[in-house]
Amino acid sequence: MPRQWAADEYVWRQLAGDLSSRIADGTYPLGSPLPGEDELASEYAVARTTVRRALADLRKQKLIKTLHGHKNAVVAMPRPEGLPG
């Protein structure tokens, strides 16, 4: 069943929050690759542009990075305790 998105917040922000929570809880540990854009778009039932915007936000927060020669972004650091997701 697809996730229900809150109407009062951009979907890309909600997606970024969900992915940062998954980083914080260890689903995606330090150095591990995230699923690709197509896989995330399918899993969350959103457009690739929404996924790209969420990933750009995570890059801005320095939670993920793209390594030369790698297709998918990787987890750059765990989210510090107490920060909102």
PDB file of N, CA and C in Angstrom:
ATOM      1  N   MET A   1       0.846  -1.184   0.000  1.00  0.00           N
ATOM      2  CA  MET A   1       0.000   0.000   0.000  1.00  0.00           C
ATOM      3  C   MET A   1       0.886   1.240   0.000  1.00  0.00           C
ATOM      4  N   PRO A   2       0.661   2.174  -0.916  1.00  0.00           N
ATOM      5  CA  PRO A   2       1.495   3.378  -0.962  1.00  0.00           C
ATOM      6  C   PRO A   2       1.351   4.224   0.296  1.00  0.00           C
ATOM      7  N   ARG A   3       2.416   4.925   0.608  1.00  0.00           N
ATOM      8  CA  ARG A   3       2.419   5.790   1.775  1.00  0.00           C
ATOM      9  C   ARG A   3       1.460   6.954   1.554  1.00  0.00           C
ATOM     10  N   GLN A   4       0.826   7.394   2.622  1.00  0.00           N
ATOM     11  CA  GLN A   4      -0.028   8.577   2.584  1.00  0.00           C
ATOM     12  C   GLN A   4       0.810   9.785   2.964  1.00  0.00           C
ATOM     13  N   TRP A   5       0.876  10.780   2.104  1.00  0.00           N
ATOM     14  CA  TRP A   5       1.669  11.970   2.354  1.00  0.00           C
ATOM     15  C   TRP A   5       0.802  13.052   2.974  1.00  0.00           C
ATOM     16  N   ALA A   6       1.376  13.787   3.915  1.00  0.00           N
ATOM     17  CA  ALA A   6       0.674  14.902   4.544  1.00  0.00           C
ATOM     18  C   ALA A   6       0.465  16.006   3.512  1.00  0.00           C
ATOM     19  N   ALA A   7      -0.703  16.589   3.505  1.00  0.00           N
ATOM     20  CA  ALA A   7      -1.035  17.610   2.513  1.00  0.00           C
ATOM     21  C   ALA A   7      -0.388  18.955   2.800  1.00  0.00           C
ATOM     22  N   ASP A   8       0.049  19.173   4.039  1.00  0.00           N
ATOM     23  CA  ASP A   8       0.561  20.494   4.420  1.00  0.00           C
ATOM     24  C   ASP A   8       2.074  20.623   4.315  1.00  0.00           C
ATOM     25  N   GLU A   9       2.740  19.642   3.717  1.00  0.00           N
ATOM     26  CA  GLU A   9       4.197  19.703   3.555  1.00  0.00           C
ATOM     27  C   GLU A   9       4.566  19.088   2.210  1.00  0.00           C
ATOM     28  N   TYR A  10       5.591  19.673   1.555  1.00  0.00           N
ATOM     29  CA  TYR A  10       6.036  19.130   0.276  1.00  0.00           C
ATOM     30  C   TYR A  10       6.413  17.654   0.417  1.00  0.00           C
ATOM     31  N   VAL A  11       6.033  16.868  -0.581  1.00  0.00           N
ATOM     32  CA  VAL A  11       6.319  15.432  -0.559  1.00  0.00           C
ATOM     33  C   VAL A  11       7.829  15.194  -0.515  1.00  0.00           C
ATOM     34  N   TRP A  12       8.630  15.979  -1.265  1.00  0.00           N
ATOM     35  CA  TRP A  12      10.074  15.755  -1.261  1.00  0.00           C
ATOM     36  C   TRP A  12      10.653  15.953   0.142  1.00  0.00           C
ATOM     37  N   ARG A  13      10.101  16.881   0.917  1.00  0.00           N
ATOM     38  CA  ARG A  13      10.588  17.077   2.291  1.00  0.00           C
ATOM     39  C   ARG A  13      10.222  15.889   3.172  1.00  0.00           C
ATOM     40  N   GLN A  14       9.020  15.367   2.974  1.00  0.00           N
ATOM     41  CA  GLN A  14       8.602  14.194   3.741  1.00  0.00           C
ATOM     42  C   GLN A  14       9.456  12.988   3.381  1.00  0.00           C
ATOM     43  N   LEU A  15       9.750  12.841   2.095  1.00  0.00           N
ATOM     44  CA  LEU A  15      10.603  11.744   1.636  1.00  0.00           C
ATOM     45  C   LEU A  15      12.011  11.898   2.210  1.00  0.00           C
ATOM     46  N   ALA A  16      12.558  13.105   2.167  1.00  0.00           N
ATOM     47  CA  ALA A  16      13.884  13.346   2.738  1.00  0.00           C
ATOM     48  C   ALA A  16      13.881  13.018   4.228  1.00  0.00           C
ATOM     49  N   GLY A  17      12.824  13.384   4.927  1.00  0.00           N
ATOM     50  CA  GLY A  17      12.710  13.070   6.347  1.00  0.00           C
ATOM     51  C   GLY A  17      12.670  11.575   6.608  1.00  0.00           C
ATOM     52  N   ASP A  18      11.930  10.858   5.762  1.00  0.00           N
ATOM     53  CA  ASP A  18      11.859   9.404   5.921  1.00  0.00           C
ATOM     54  C   ASP A  18      13.214   8.760   5.664  1.00  0.00           C
ATOM     55  N   LEU A  19      13.889   9.206   4.617  1.00  0.00           N
ATOM     56  CA  LEU A  19      15.209   8.640   4.310  1.00  0.00           C
ATOM     57  C   LEU A  19      16.222   8.986   5.405  1.00  0.00           C
ATOM     58  N   SER A  20      16.164  10.206   5.950  1.00  0.00           N
ATOM     59  CA  SER A  20      17.098  10.560   7.027  1.00  0.00           C
ATOM     60  C   SER A  20      16.809   9.742   8.282  1.00  0.00           C
ATOM     61  N   SER A  21      15.547   9.414   8.520  1.00  0.00           N
ATOM     62  CA  SER A  21      15.204   8.534   9.646  1.00  0.00           C
ATOM     63  C   SER A  21      15.775   7.138   9.435  1.00  0.00           C
ATOM     64  N   ARG A  22      15.733   6.667   8.192  1.00  0.00           N
ATOM     65  CA  ARG A  22      16.284   5.343   7.881  1.00  0.00           C
ATOM     66  C   ARG A  22      17.810   5.341   8.023  1.00  0.00           C
ATOM     67  N   ILE A  23      18.432   6.481   7.748  1.00  0.00           N
ATOM     68  CA  ILE A  23      19.876   6.600   7.981  1.00  0.00           C
ATOM     69  C   ILE A  23      20.149   6.568   9.482  1.00  0.00           C
ATOM     70  N   ALA A  24      19.361   7.323  10.240  1.00  0.00           N
ATOM     71  CA  ALA A  24      19.550   7.404  11.688  1.00  0.00           C
ATOM     72  C   ALA A  24      19.330   6.064  12.382  1.00  0.00           C
ATOM     73  N   ASP A  25      18.357   5.279  11.899  1.00  0.00           N
ATOM     74  CA  ASP A  25      18.075   4.009  12.579  1.00  0.00           C
ATOM     75  C   ASP A  25      18.957   2.855  12.086  1.00  0.00           C
ATOM     76  N   GLY A  26      19.868   3.159  11.145  1.00  0.00           N
ATOM     77  CA  GLY A  26      20.806   2.130  10.699  1.00  0.00           C
ATOM     78  C   GLY A  26      20.331   1.299   9.525  1.00  0.00           C
ATOM     79  N   THR A  27      19.159   1.595   9.006  1.00  0.00           N
ATOM     80  CA  THR A  27      18.704   0.875   7.818  1.00  0.00           C
ATOM     81  C   THR A  27      19.709   1.068   6.692  1.00  0.00           C
ATOM     82  N   TYR A  28      20.211   2.304   6.577  1.00  0.00           N
ATOM     83  CA  TYR A  28      21.286   2.630   5.643  1.00  0.00           C
ATOM     84  C   TYR A  28      22.488   3.085   6.470  1.00  0.00           C
ATOM     85  N   PRO A  29      23.409   2.167   6.808  1.00  0.00           N
ATOM     86  CA  PRO A  29      24.555   2.537   7.643  1.00  0.00           C
ATOM     87  C   PRO A  29      25.598   3.375   6.896  1.00  0.00           C
ATOM     88  N   LEU A  30      26.483   3.967   7.653  1.00  0.00           N
ATOM     89  CA  LEU A  30      27.560   4.794   7.128  1.00  0.00           C
ATOM     90  C   LEU A  30      28.290   4.075   5.999  1.00  0.00           C
ATOM     91  N   GLY A  31      28.421   4.748   4.862  1.00  0.00           N
ATOM     92  CA  GLY A  31      29.128   4.189   3.714  1.00  0.00           C
ATOM     93  C   GLY A  31      28.299   3.313   2.808  1.00  0.00           C
ATOM     94  N   SER A  32      27.085   2.991   3.213  1.00  0.00           N
ATOM     95  CA  SER A  32      26.260   2.110   2.379  1.00  0.00           C
ATOM     96  C   SER A  32      25.569   2.905   1.278  1.00  0.00           C
ATOM     97  N   PRO A  33      25.354   2.277   0.134  1.00  0.00           N
ATOM     98  CA  PRO A  33      24.655   2.979  -0.945  1.00  0.00           C
ATOM     99  C   PRO A  33      23.153   3.022  -0.687  1.00  0.00           C
ATOM    100  N   LEU A  34      22.543   4.105  -1.099  1.00  0.00           N
ATOM    101  CA  LEU A  34      21.085   4.191  -1.073  1.00  0.00           C
ATOM    102  C   LEU A  34      20.551   3.504  -2.323  1.00  0.00           C
ATOM    103  N   PRO A  35      19.297   3.093  -2.306  1.00  0.00           N
ATOM    104  CA  PRO A  35      18.713   2.582  -3.543  1.00  0.00           C
ATOM    105  C   PRO A  35      18.741   3.668  -4.614  1.00  0.00           C
ATOM    106  N   GLY A  36      18.682   3.269  -5.855  1.00  0.00           N
ATOM    107  CA  GLY A  36      18.682   4.217  -6.968  1.00  0.00           C
ATOM    108  C   GLY A  36      17.388   5.012  -7.043  1.00  0.00           C
ATOM    109  N   GLU A  37      17.419   6.049  -7.851  1.00  0.00           N
ATOM    110  CA  GLU A  37      16.253   6.925  -8.002  1.00  0.00           C
ATOM    111  C   GLU A  37      15.014   6.156  -8.453  1.00  0.00           C
ATOM    112  N   ASP A  38      15.171   5.280  -9.427  1.00  0.00           N
ATOM    113  CA  ASP A  38      14.019   4.519  -9.919  1.00  0.00           C
ATOM    114  C   ASP A  38      13.428   3.640  -8.822  1.00  0.00           C
ATOM    115  N   GLU A  39      14.300   2.980  -8.058  1.00  0.00           N
ATOM    116  CA  GLU A  39      13.829   2.101  -6.988  1.00  0.00           C
ATOM    117  C   GLU A  39      13.108   2.900  -5.897  1.00  0.00           C
ATOM    118  N   LEU A  40      13.679   4.041  -5.519  1.00  0.00           N
ATOM    119  CA  LEU A  40      13.032   4.877  -4.499  1.00  0.00           C
ATOM    120  C   LEU A  40      11.698   5.424  -5.010  1.00  0.00           C
ATOM    121  N   ALA A  41      11.665   5.851  -6.263  1.00  0.00           N
ATOM    122  CA  ALA A  41      10.420   6.366  -6.842  1.00  0.00           C
ATOM    123  C   ALA A  41       9.338   5.294  -6.821  1.00  0.00           C
ATOM    124  N   SER A  42       9.713   4.078  -7.139  1.00  0.00           N
ATOM    125  CA  SER A  42       8.759   2.975  -7.128  1.00  0.00           C
ATOM    126  C   SER A  42       8.321   2.636  -5.703  1.00  0.00           C
ATOM    127  N   GLU A  43       9.275   2.535  -4.798  1.00  0.00           N
ATOM    128  CA  GLU A  43       8.970   2.185  -3.404  1.00  0.00           C
ATOM    129  C   GLU A  43       8.029   3.200  -2.758  1.00  0.00           C
ATOM    130  N   TYR A  44       8.270   4.478  -3.015  1.00  0.00           N
ATOM    131  CA  TYR A  44       7.474   5.530  -2.382  1.00  0.00           C
ATOM    132  C   TYR A  44       6.320   6.021  -3.253  1.00  0.00           C
ATOM    133  N   ALA A  45       6.193   5.473  -4.458  1.00  0.00           N
ATOM    134  CA  ALA A  45       5.121   5.854  -5.391  1.00  0.00           C
ATOM    135  C   ALA A  45       5.130   7.356  -5.657  1.00  0.00           C
ATOM    136  N   VAL A  46       6.312   7.867  -5.999  1.00  0.00           N
ATOM    137  CA  VAL A  46       6.488   9.283  -6.337  1.00  0.00           C
ATOM    138  C   VAL A  46       7.269   9.390  -7.641  1.00  0.00           C
ATOM    139  N   ALA A  47       7.305  10.588  -8.200  1.00  0.00           N
ATOM    140  CA  ALA A  47       8.063  10.829  -9.427  1.00  0.00           C
ATOM    141  C   ALA A  47       9.561  10.898  -9.119  1.00  0.00           C
ATOM    142  N   ARG A  48      10.372  10.606 -10.131  1.00  0.00           N
ATOM    143  CA  ARG A  48      11.830  10.693  -9.959  1.00  0.00           C
ATOM    144  C   ARG A  48      12.272  12.095  -9.586  1.00  0.00           C
ATOM    145  N   THR A  49      11.578  13.098 -10.088  1.00  0.00           N
ATOM    146  CA  THR A  49      11.947  14.474  -9.731  1.00  0.00           C
ATOM    147  C   THR A  49      11.761  14.723  -8.236  1.00  0.00           C
ATOM    148  N   THR A  50      10.771  14.093  -7.640  1.00  0.00           N
ATOM    149  CA  THR A  50      10.561  14.196  -6.193  1.00  0.00           C
ATOM    150  C   THR A  50      11.713  13.533  -5.451  1.00  0.00           C
ATOM    151  N   VAL A  51      12.134  12.381  -5.931  1.00  0.00           N
ATOM    152  CA  VAL A  51      13.271  11.675  -5.329  1.00  0.00           C
ATOM    153  C   VAL A  51      14.533  12.527  -5.454  1.00  0.00           C
ATOM    154  N   ARG A  52      14.762  13.081  -6.628  1.00  0.00           N
ATOM    155  CA  ARG A  52      15.959  13.912  -6.832  1.00  0.00           C
ATOM    156  C   ARG A  52      15.984  15.096  -5.880  1.00  0.00           C
ATOM    157  N   ARG A  53      14.844  15.724  -5.694  1.00  0.00           N
ATOM    158  CA  ARG A  53      14.767  16.881  -4.780  1.00  0.00           C
ATOM    159  C   ARG A  53      15.052  16.440  -3.348  1.00  0.00           C
ATOM    160  N   ALA A  54      14.524  15.292  -2.928  1.00  0.00           N
ATOM    161  CA  ALA A  54      14.781  14.773  -1.580  1.00  0.00           C
ATOM    162  C   ALA A  54      16.263  14.445  -1.404  1.00  0.00           C
ATOM    163  N   LEU A  55      16.868  13.805  -2.401  1.00  0.00           N
ATOM    164  CA  LEU A  55      18.288  13.466  -2.321  1.00  0.00           C
ATOM    165  C   LEU A  55      19.153  14.724  -2.306  1.00  0.00           C
ATOM    166  N   ALA A  56      18.761  15.743  -3.060  1.00  0.00           N
ATOM    167  CA  ALA A  56      19.499  17.009  -3.043  1.00  0.00           C
ATOM    168  C   ALA A  56      19.456  17.626  -1.641  1.00  0.00           C
ATOM    169  N   ASP A  57      18.311  17.516  -0.989  1.00  0.00           N
ATOM    170  CA  ASP A  57      18.192  18.032   0.374  1.00  0.00           C
ATOM    171  C   ASP A  57      19.101  17.267   1.330  1.00  0.00           C
ATOM    172  N   LEU A  58      19.164  15.954   1.176  1.00  0.00           N
ATOM    173  CA  LEU A  58      20.042  15.145   2.037  1.00  0.00           C
ATOM    174  C   LEU A  58      21.512  15.465   1.773  1.00  0.00           C
ATOM    175  N   ARG A  59      21.857  15.754   0.517  1.00  0.00           N
ATOM    176  CA  ARG A  59      23.227  16.182   0.200  1.00  0.00           C
ATOM    177  C   ARG A  59      23.538  17.519   0.877  1.00  0.00           C
ATOM    178  N   LYS A  60      22.582  18.426   0.829  1.00  0.00           N
ATOM    179  CA  LYS A  60      22.750  19.740   1.453  1.00  0.00           C
ATOM    180  C   LYS A  60      22.967  19.595   2.965  1.00  0.00           C
ATOM    181  N   GLN A  61      22.295  18.625   3.568  1.00  0.00           N
ATOM    182  CA  GLN A  61      22.455  18.350   4.997  1.00  0.00           C
ATOM    183  C   GLN A  61      23.728  17.548   5.286  1.00  0.00           C
ATOM    184  N   LYS A  62      24.425  17.156   4.225  1.00  0.00           N
ATOM    185  CA  LYS A  62      25.647  16.356   4.306  1.00  0.00           C
ATOM    186  C   LYS A  62      25.411  14.966   4.910  1.00  0.00           C
ATOM    187  N   LEU A  63      24.211  14.439   4.690  1.00  0.00           N
ATOM    188  CA  LEU A  63      23.905  13.083   5.140  1.00  0.00           C
ATOM    189  C   LEU A  63      24.292  12.046   4.097  1.00  0.00           C
ATOM    190  N   ILE A  64      24.299  12.468   2.837  1.00  0.00           N
ATOM    191  CA  ILE A  64      24.704  11.570   1.757  1.00  0.00           C
ATOM    192  C   ILE A  64      25.670  12.312   0.843  1.00  0.00           C
ATOM    193  N   LYS A  65      26.384  11.535   0.046  1.00  0.00           N
ATOM    194  CA  LYS A  65      27.271  12.122  -0.955  1.00  0.00           C
ATOM    195  C   LYS A  65      27.329  11.185  -2.143  1.00  0.00           C
ATOM    196  N   THR A  66      27.737  11.724  -3.266  1.00  0.00           N
ATOM    197  CA  THR A  66      27.910  10.930  -4.470  1.00  0.00           C
ATOM    198  C   THR A  66      29.401  10.782  -4.713  1.00  0.00           C
ATOM    199  N   LEU A  67      29.853   9.552  -4.787  1.00  0.00           N
ATOM    200  CA  LEU A  67      31.267   9.275  -4.991  1.00  0.00           C
ATOM    201  C   LEU A  67      31.550   9.089  -6.478  1.00  0.00           C
ATOM    202  N   HIS A  68      32.689   9.589  -6.916  1.00  0.00           N
ATOM    203  CA  HIS A  68      33.097   9.439  -8.303  1.00  0.00           C
ATOM    204  C   HIS A  68      33.129   7.956  -8.667  1.00  0.00           C
ATOM    205  N   GLY A  69      32.487   7.608  -9.745  1.00  0.00           N
ATOM    206  CA  GLY A  69      32.479   6.229 -10.205  1.00  0.00           C
ATOM    207  C   GLY A  69      31.352   5.385  -9.634  1.00  0.00           C
ATOM    208  N   HIS A  70      30.537   5.946  -8.754  1.00  0.00           N
ATOM    209  CA  HIS A  70      29.407   5.221  -8.179  1.00  0.00           C
ATOM    210  C   HIS A  70      28.108   5.816  -8.709  1.00  0.00           C
ATOM    211  N   LYS A  71      27.183   4.963  -9.028  1.00  0.00           N
ATOM    212  CA  LYS A  71      25.910   5.413  -9.572  1.00  0.00           C
ATOM    213  C   LYS A  71      25.007   5.994  -8.492  1.00  0.00           C
ATOM    214  N   ASN A  72      24.931   5.348  -7.347  1.00  0.00           N
ATOM    215  CA  ASN A  72      24.020   5.761  -6.288  1.00  0.00           C
ATOM    216  C   ASN A  72      24.749   6.558  -5.220  1.00  0.00           C
ATOM    217  N   ALA A  73      24.008   7.415  -4.543  1.00  0.00           N
ATOM    218  CA  ALA A  73      24.547   8.165  -3.409  1.00  0.00           C
ATOM    219  C   ALA A  73      24.822   7.193  -2.257  1.00  0.00           C
ATOM    220  N   VAL A  74      25.769   7.558  -1.406  1.00  0.00           N
ATOM    221  CA  VAL A  74      26.086   6.748  -0.231  1.00  0.00           C
ATOM    222  C   VAL A  74      25.892   7.588   1.026  1.00  0.00           C
ATOM    223  N   VAL A  75      25.662   6.905   2.133  1.00  0.00           N
ATOM    224  CA  VAL A  75      25.478   7.585   3.408  1.00  0.00           C
ATOM    225  C   VAL A  75      26.810   8.170   3.837  1.00  0.00           C
ATOM    226  N   ALA A  76      26.808   9.481   4.094  1.00  0.00           N
ATOM    227  CA  ALA A  76      28.042  10.181   4.447  1.00  0.00           C
ATOM    228  C   ALA A  76      28.292  10.167   5.947  1.00  0.00           C
ATOM    229  N   MET A  77      27.233  10.256   6.732  1.00  0.00           N
ATOM    230  CA  MET A  77      27.390  10.274   8.181  1.00  0.00           C
ATOM    231  C   MET A  77      26.038   9.994   8.815  1.00  0.00           C
ATOM    232  N   PRO A  78      26.026   9.440  10.017  1.00  0.00           N
ATOM    233  CA  PRO A  78      24.741   9.225  10.673  1.00  0.00           C
ATOM    234  C   PRO A  78      24.154  10.546  11.142  1.00  0.00           C
ATOM    235  N   ARG A  79      22.852  10.625  11.220  1.00  0.00           N
ATOM    236  CA  ARG A  79      22.190  11.826  11.723  1.00  0.00           C
ATOM    237  C   ARG A  79      22.442  11.927  13.226  1.00  0.00           C
ATOM    238  N   PRO A  80      22.946  13.075  13.684  1.00  0.00           N
ATOM    239  CA  PRO A  80      23.173  13.249  15.121  1.00  0.00           C
ATOM    240  C   PRO A  80      21.876  13.165  15.908  1.00  0.00           C
ATOM    241  N   GLU A  81      21.957  12.655  17.129  1.00  0.00           N
ATOM    242  CA  GLU A  81      20.787  12.540  18.018  1.00  0.00           C
ATOM    243  C   GLU A  81      20.142  13.908  18.213  1.00  0.00           C
ATOM    244  N   GLY A  82      18.837  13.932  18.274  1.00  0.00           N
ATOM    245  CA  GLY A  82      18.125  15.151  18.587  1.00  0.00           C
ATOM    246  C   GLY A  82      17.767  16.036  17.412  1.00  0.00           C
ATOM    247  N   LEU A  83      18.285  15.733  16.227  1.00  0.00           N
ATOM    248  CA  LEU A  83      17.935  16.543  15.068  1.00  0.00           C
ATOM    249  C   LEU A  83      16.634  16.026  14.477  1.00  0.00           C
ATOM    250  N   PRO A  84      15.779  16.927  14.033  1.00  0.00           N
ATOM    251  CA  PRO A  84      14.508  16.481  13.446  1.00  0.00           C
ATOM    252  C   PRO A  84      14.722  15.752  12.138  1.00  0.00           C
ATOM    253  N   GLY A  85      13.852  14.806  11.828  1.00  0.00           N
ATOM    254  CA  GLY A  85      13.960  14.042  10.602  1.00  0.00           C
ATOM    255  C   GLY A  85      13.196  14.657   9.565  1.00  0.00           C
TER     256      GLY A  85
END
